C-alpha atoms as a PDB file:
ATOM      1  CA  MET A   1      57.936 -13.540   3.849  1.00  0.00           C
ATOM      2  CA  THR A   2      57.992 -16.201   6.838  1.00  0.00           C
ATOM      3  CA  CYS A   3      55.946 -19.168   6.665  1.00  0.00           C
ATOM      4  CA  ARG A   4      54.063 -17.718   9.032  1.00  0.00           C
ATOM      5  CA  ALA A   5      53.201 -14.229   7.816  1.00  0.00           C
ATOM      6  CA  LEU A   6      52.326 -16.457   4.458  1.00  0.00           C
ATOM      7  CA  LEU A   7      49.920 -18.144   6.720  1.00  0.00           C
ATOM      8  CA  ILE A   8      48.186 -15.420   7.919  1.00  0.00           C
ATOM      9  CA  VAL A   9      48.018 -13.223   4.454  1.00  0.00           C
ATOM     10  CA  LEU A  10      46.264 -16.408   3.342  1.00  0.00           C
ATOM     11  CA  LEU A  11      43.547 -16.807   6.411  1.00  0.00           C
ATOM     12  CA  VAL A  12      42.953 -12.798   5.827  1.00  0.00           C
ATOM     13  CA  ALA A  13      42.475 -13.124   2.066  1.00  0.00           C
ATOM     14  CA  LEU A  14      39.936 -16.428   2.480  1.00  0.00           C
ATOM     15  CA  LEU A  15      38.103 -15.753   5.645  1.00  0.00           C
ATOM     16  CA  PRO A  16      35.658 -13.276   4.080  1.00  0.00           C
ATOM     17  CA  GLY A  17      34.716 -15.880   1.312  1.00  0.00           C
ATOM     18  CA  VAL A  18      33.997 -18.566   4.554  1.00  0.00           C
ATOM     19  CA  ALA A  19      31.764 -15.914   6.236  1.00  0.00           C
ATOM     20  CA  ALA A  20      29.632 -14.967   3.072  1.00  0.00           C
ATOM     21  CA  ALA A  21      29.096 -18.681   2.583  1.00  0.00           C
ATOM     22  CA  GLN A  22      27.972 -18.915   5.776  1.00  0.00           C
ATOM     23  CA  ASP A  23      25.532 -16.461   5.599  1.00  0.00           C
ATOM     24  CA  GLU A  24      23.963 -18.374   2.782  1.00  0.00           C
ATOM     25  CA  PRO A  25      20.253 -20.499   3.909  1.00  0.00           C
ATOM     26  CA  THR A  26      20.628 -24.181   3.103  1.00  0.00           C
ATOM     27  CA  PRO A  27      18.217 -25.925   0.980  1.00  0.00           C
ATOM     28  CA  TYR A  28      16.641 -26.982   4.141  1.00  0.00           C
ATOM     29  CA  GLU A  29      16.326 -23.485   5.428  1.00  0.00           C
ATOM     30  CA  ILE A  30      15.002 -22.390   2.114  1.00  0.00           C
ATOM     31  CA  ALA A  31      12.478 -24.839   1.768  1.00  0.00           C
ATOM     32  CA  LEU A  32      11.199 -23.641   5.654  1.00  0.00           C
ATOM     33  CA  GLU A  33      10.989 -20.171   4.159  1.00  0.00           C
ATOM     34  CA  ARG A  34       8.717 -21.527   1.494  1.00  0.00           C
ATOM     35  CA  ILE A  35       6.615 -23.776   3.334  1.00  0.00           C
ATOM     36  CA  GLU A  36       6.036 -20.557   6.016  1.00  0.00           C
ATOM     37  CA  ALA A  37       4.791 -18.328   3.256  1.00  0.00           C
ATOM     38  CA  ALA A  38       2.464 -21.033   1.749  1.00  0.00           C
ATOM     39  CA  ALA A  39       1.249 -21.375   5.183  1.00  0.00           C
ATOM     40  CA  ARG A  40       0.729 -17.512   5.368  1.00  0.00           C
ATOM     41  CA  THR A  41      -1.260 -17.195   1.904  1.00  0.00           C
ATOM     42  CA  ASN A  42      -2.953 -20.428   2.362  1.00  0.00           C
ATOM     43  CA  ALA A  43      -1.519 -21.674  -0.863  1.00  0.00           C
ATOM     44  CA  THR A  44      -2.914 -24.832  -2.730  1.00  0.00           C
ATOM     45  CA  ALA A  45       0.640 -25.266  -4.767  1.00  0.00           C
ATOM     46  CA  LEU A  46       4.287 -25.279  -3.303  1.00  0.00           C
ATOM     47  CA  ASP A  47       7.526 -25.878  -5.502  1.00  0.00           C
ATOM     48  CA  LEU A  48      10.208 -27.505  -3.366  1.00  0.00           C
ATOM     49  CA  SER A  49      12.244 -28.589  -6.571  1.00  0.00           C
ATOM     50  CA  GLY A  50      15.793 -28.032  -7.268  1.00  0.00           C
ATOM     51  CA  LEU A  51      16.687 -27.934  -3.805  1.00  0.00           C
ATOM     52  CA  GLU A  52      17.835 -31.195  -3.385  1.00  0.00           C
ATOM     53  CA  LEU A  53      16.339 -32.102  -0.515  1.00  0.00           C
ATOM     54  CA  THR A  54      17.150 -35.335   1.112  1.00  0.00           C
ATOM     55  CA  GLU A  55      14.109 -34.845   3.403  1.00  0.00           C
ATOM     56  CA  VAL A  56      10.868 -33.052   3.561  1.00  0.00           C
ATOM     57  CA  PRO A  57      10.427 -30.325   6.434  1.00  0.00           C
ATOM     58  CA  PRO A  58       7.732 -32.066   8.835  1.00  0.00           C
ATOM     59  CA  GLU A  59       6.623 -28.480   9.242  1.00  0.00           C
ATOM     60  CA  ILE A  60       4.790 -29.326   5.702  1.00  0.00           C
ATOM     61  CA  GLY A  61       1.890 -31.084   7.357  1.00  0.00           C
ATOM     62  CA  GLN A  62       0.379 -27.528   8.279  1.00  0.00           C
ATOM     63  CA  LEU A  63      -0.252 -27.086   4.643  1.00  0.00           C
ATOM     64  CA  THR A  64      -3.861 -27.687   4.650  1.00  0.00           C
ATOM     65  CA  ALA A  65      -4.801 -26.363   1.653  1.00  0.00           C
ATOM     66  CA  LEU A  66      -2.250 -28.074  -0.146  1.00  0.00           C
ATOM     67  CA  GLN A  67      -3.167 -29.629  -3.282  1.00  0.00           C
ATOM     68  CA  ARG A  68      -0.107 -29.895  -5.586  1.00  0.00           C
ATOM     69  CA  LEU A  69       3.820 -30.665  -4.106  1.00  0.00           C
ATOM     70  CA  ASP A  70       6.704 -30.199  -6.529  1.00  0.00           C
ATOM     71  CA  LEU A  71       9.699 -31.841  -5.821  1.00  0.00           C
END
């Protein structure tokens, strides 16, 4: 097998894994989803722990009923 053929085989084998990894939401996107859900339900508590966030999305400011925030 030539080097070029081997490279093509490797790329074909690896591409599905790369595409799947890109489909997974980032921790920041998960936090945004949880904030949106809390806003819809007027939640008083929100759990963003375990996401290892380096910043809190500014959308958290829309949660006027929030009494407890777990980071």
